N, C-alpha and C. Protein backbone atom coordinates (compact mmCIF):
# COMPACT_ATOMS: atom_id res chain seq x y z
N UNK A 1 9.25 -20.04 12.95
CA UNK A 1 8.74 -19.48 11.77
C UNK A 1 9.75 -19.74 10.52
N UNK A 2 9.28 -20.14 9.54
CA UNK A 2 10.08 -20.54 8.37
C UNK A 2 10.35 -19.21 7.38
N UNK A 3 11.23 -19.55 6.44
CA UNK A 3 11.65 -18.45 5.62
C UNK A 3 10.55 -17.65 4.84
N UNK A 4 9.62 -18.48 4.30
CA UNK A 4 8.53 -17.90 3.53
C UNK A 4 7.61 -16.99 4.27
N UNK A 5 7.43 -17.50 5.67
CA UNK A 5 6.62 -16.63 6.46
C UNK A 5 7.27 -15.37 6.85
N UNK A 6 8.53 -15.33 7.06
CA UNK A 6 9.28 -14.12 7.34
C UNK A 6 9.20 -13.20 6.15
N UNK A 7 9.38 -13.81 4.81
CA UNK A 7 9.23 -12.93 3.69
C UNK A 7 7.86 -12.28 3.44
N UNK A 8 6.86 -13.03 3.84
CA UNK A 8 5.60 -12.50 3.83
C UNK A 8 5.34 -11.38 4.83
N UNK A 9 5.80 -11.38 5.91
CA UNK A 9 5.70 -10.42 6.93
C UNK A 9 6.61 -9.23 6.46
N UNK A 10 7.84 -9.47 5.98
CA UNK A 10 8.59 -8.38 5.41
C UNK A 10 7.97 -7.63 4.30
N UNK A 11 7.28 -8.40 3.27
CA UNK A 11 6.61 -7.85 2.20
C UNK A 11 5.34 -6.98 2.63
N UNK A 12 4.70 -7.42 3.67
CA UNK A 12 3.66 -6.75 4.28
C UNK A 12 3.92 -5.41 4.87
N UNK A 13 5.16 -5.43 5.71
CA UNK A 13 5.64 -4.26 6.37
C UNK A 13 6.10 -3.29 5.33
N UNK A 14 6.76 -3.62 4.36
CA UNK A 14 7.22 -2.69 3.24
C UNK A 14 6.01 -2.12 2.45
N UNK A 15 5.03 -3.02 2.32
CA UNK A 15 3.79 -2.42 1.49
C UNK A 15 3.17 -1.45 2.43
N UNK A 16 3.09 -1.74 3.74
CA UNK A 16 2.45 -0.73 4.60
C UNK A 16 3.18 0.63 4.55
N UNK A 17 4.41 0.56 4.46
CA UNK A 17 5.22 1.80 4.50
C UNK A 17 4.98 2.51 3.16
N UNK A 18 4.99 1.85 2.03
CA UNK A 18 4.74 2.45 0.70
C UNK A 18 3.26 3.01 0.61
N UNK A 19 2.48 2.18 1.14
CA UNK A 19 0.96 2.63 1.11
C UNK A 19 0.69 4.01 2.00
N UNK A 20 1.43 4.02 3.10
CA UNK A 20 1.40 5.10 3.99
C UNK A 20 1.99 6.34 3.20
N UNK A 21 3.06 6.20 2.52
CA UNK A 21 3.74 7.21 1.86
C UNK A 21 2.80 7.78 0.70
N UNK A 22 2.17 6.74 -0.03
CA UNK A 22 1.29 7.28 -1.13
C UNK A 22 0.15 7.98 -0.61
N UNK A 23 -0.50 7.41 0.56
CA UNK A 23 -1.62 8.18 1.14
C UNK A 23 -1.18 9.63 1.52
N UNK A 24 -0.11 9.70 2.09
CA UNK A 24 0.40 11.13 2.70
C UNK A 24 0.52 11.99 1.35
N UNK A 25 1.10 11.42 0.31
CA UNK A 25 1.28 12.14 -0.95
C UNK A 25 -0.19 12.65 -1.51
N UNK A 26 -1.04 11.70 -1.52
CA UNK A 26 -2.49 11.98 -2.00
C UNK A 26 -3.16 13.11 -1.15
N UNK A 27 -2.98 13.07 0.06
CA UNK A 27 -3.62 14.01 1.00
C UNK A 27 -2.80 15.41 0.88
N UNK A 28 -1.64 15.47 0.24
CA UNK A 28 -0.94 16.67 0.09
C UNK A 28 -1.40 17.56 -0.97
N UNK A 29 -2.18 18.66 -0.69
CA UNK A 29 -2.92 19.46 -1.63
C UNK A 29 -1.99 19.94 -2.68
N UNK A 30 -0.87 20.42 -2.35
CA UNK A 30 0.11 21.01 -3.22
C UNK A 30 0.57 20.17 -4.47
N UNK A 31 1.14 19.13 -4.25
CA UNK A 31 1.64 18.21 -5.36
C UNK A 31 0.56 17.32 -5.98
N UNK A 32 -0.09 16.77 -5.23
CA UNK A 32 -1.21 15.83 -5.92
C UNK A 32 -2.22 16.50 -6.68
N UNK A 33 -2.66 17.74 -6.34
CA UNK A 33 -3.64 18.35 -7.04
C UNK A 33 -3.11 18.97 -8.46
N UNK A 34 -1.81 19.17 -8.49
CA UNK A 34 -1.22 19.58 -9.78
C UNK A 34 -1.13 18.41 -10.84
N UNK A 35 -1.35 17.16 -10.49
CA UNK A 35 -1.19 16.11 -11.48
C UNK A 35 -2.48 16.13 -12.29
N UNK A 36 -2.46 15.61 -13.51
CA UNK A 36 -3.55 15.42 -14.47
C UNK A 36 -4.58 14.55 -13.71
N UNK A 37 -5.83 14.79 -14.07
CA UNK A 37 -6.90 14.00 -13.34
C UNK A 37 -6.66 12.38 -13.62
N UNK A 38 -6.42 12.01 -14.77
CA UNK A 38 -6.12 10.68 -15.02
C UNK A 38 -5.09 10.02 -14.03
N UNK A 39 -3.92 10.76 -13.82
CA UNK A 39 -2.98 10.24 -13.04
C UNK A 39 -3.50 10.20 -11.57
N UNK A 40 -4.07 11.21 -11.10
CA UNK A 40 -4.64 11.15 -9.79
C UNK A 40 -5.54 10.01 -9.57
N UNK A 41 -6.45 9.67 -10.54
CA UNK A 41 -7.28 8.44 -10.38
C UNK A 41 -6.52 7.26 -10.23
N UNK A 42 -5.48 7.18 -11.19
CA UNK A 42 -4.65 5.90 -11.11
C UNK A 42 -3.96 5.80 -9.66
N UNK A 43 -3.56 6.88 -9.18
CA UNK A 43 -2.65 6.69 -7.92
C UNK A 43 -3.78 6.36 -6.87
N UNK A 44 -4.91 6.91 -6.82
CA UNK A 44 -5.94 6.63 -5.86
C UNK A 44 -6.32 5.04 -6.03
N UNK A 45 -6.58 4.65 -7.27
CA UNK A 45 -6.87 3.15 -7.43
C UNK A 45 -5.75 2.34 -6.95
N UNK A 46 -4.43 2.80 -7.24
CA UNK A 46 -3.24 1.94 -6.73
C UNK A 46 -3.22 1.90 -5.24
N UNK A 47 -3.56 2.92 -4.50
CA UNK A 47 -3.64 2.85 -3.05
C UNK A 47 -4.79 1.96 -2.60
N UNK A 48 -5.99 2.01 -3.22
CA UNK A 48 -6.93 1.09 -2.82
C UNK A 48 -6.54 -0.32 -2.96
N UNK A 49 -5.84 -0.67 -4.04
CA UNK A 49 -5.39 -2.08 -4.28
C UNK A 49 -4.19 -2.38 -3.17
N UNK A 50 -3.36 -1.40 -2.93
CA UNK A 50 -2.33 -1.66 -2.08
C UNK A 50 -2.87 -2.03 -0.56
N UNK A 51 -3.92 -1.23 -0.25
CA UNK A 51 -4.58 -1.54 1.07
C UNK A 51 -5.24 -2.90 1.04
N UNK A 52 -5.91 -3.37 0.01
CA UNK A 52 -6.43 -4.62 -0.13
C UNK A 52 -5.39 -5.77 0.06
N UNK A 53 -4.31 -5.50 -0.70
CA UNK A 53 -3.33 -6.51 -0.70
C UNK A 53 -2.61 -6.46 0.77
N UNK A 54 -2.55 -5.43 1.36
CA UNK A 54 -2.00 -5.41 2.70
C UNK A 54 -2.92 -6.29 3.81
N UNK A 55 -4.17 -6.03 3.52
CA UNK A 55 -5.26 -6.82 4.44
C UNK A 55 -5.05 -8.35 4.06
N UNK A 56 -4.92 -8.64 2.85
CA UNK A 56 -4.85 -10.17 2.54
C UNK A 56 -3.53 -10.74 3.13
N UNK A 57 -2.32 -10.00 2.98
CA UNK A 57 -1.10 -10.41 3.72
C UNK A 57 -1.33 -10.57 5.15
N UNK A 58 -1.99 -9.54 5.83
CA UNK A 58 -2.22 -9.69 7.20
C UNK A 58 -3.03 -10.91 7.69
N UNK A 59 -4.04 -11.27 6.79
CA UNK A 59 -4.82 -12.48 7.04
C UNK A 59 -3.98 -13.62 6.97
N UNK A 60 -3.23 -13.68 5.97
CA UNK A 60 -2.32 -14.82 5.80
C UNK A 60 -1.45 -15.06 6.95
N UNK A 61 -0.89 -13.84 7.49
CA UNK A 61 0.01 -13.89 8.58
C UNK A 61 -0.74 -14.33 9.84
N UNK A 62 -1.97 -13.99 10.05
CA UNK A 62 -2.67 -14.37 11.20
C UNK A 62 -2.95 -15.91 11.13
N UNK A 63 -2.80 -16.50 9.95
CA UNK A 63 -3.15 -17.93 9.83
C UNK A 63 -1.83 -18.75 10.08
N UNK A 64 -0.79 -18.10 10.07
CA UNK A 64 0.51 -18.84 10.35
C UNK A 64 0.39 -19.46 11.63
């Protein structure tokens, strides 16, 4: 495996950790529900895009 492939795997793994943390935050009724509606919408959109990016990186890794 070459350097760029290792970097893609590391990026995907770090992204997975961050997406998991954001998902956990969104599911926490206490903190998330206190945010303004616009901010909650942006965070939900961010999580959606993060999950899509994770899938793209995973597909690239499968093709290595």
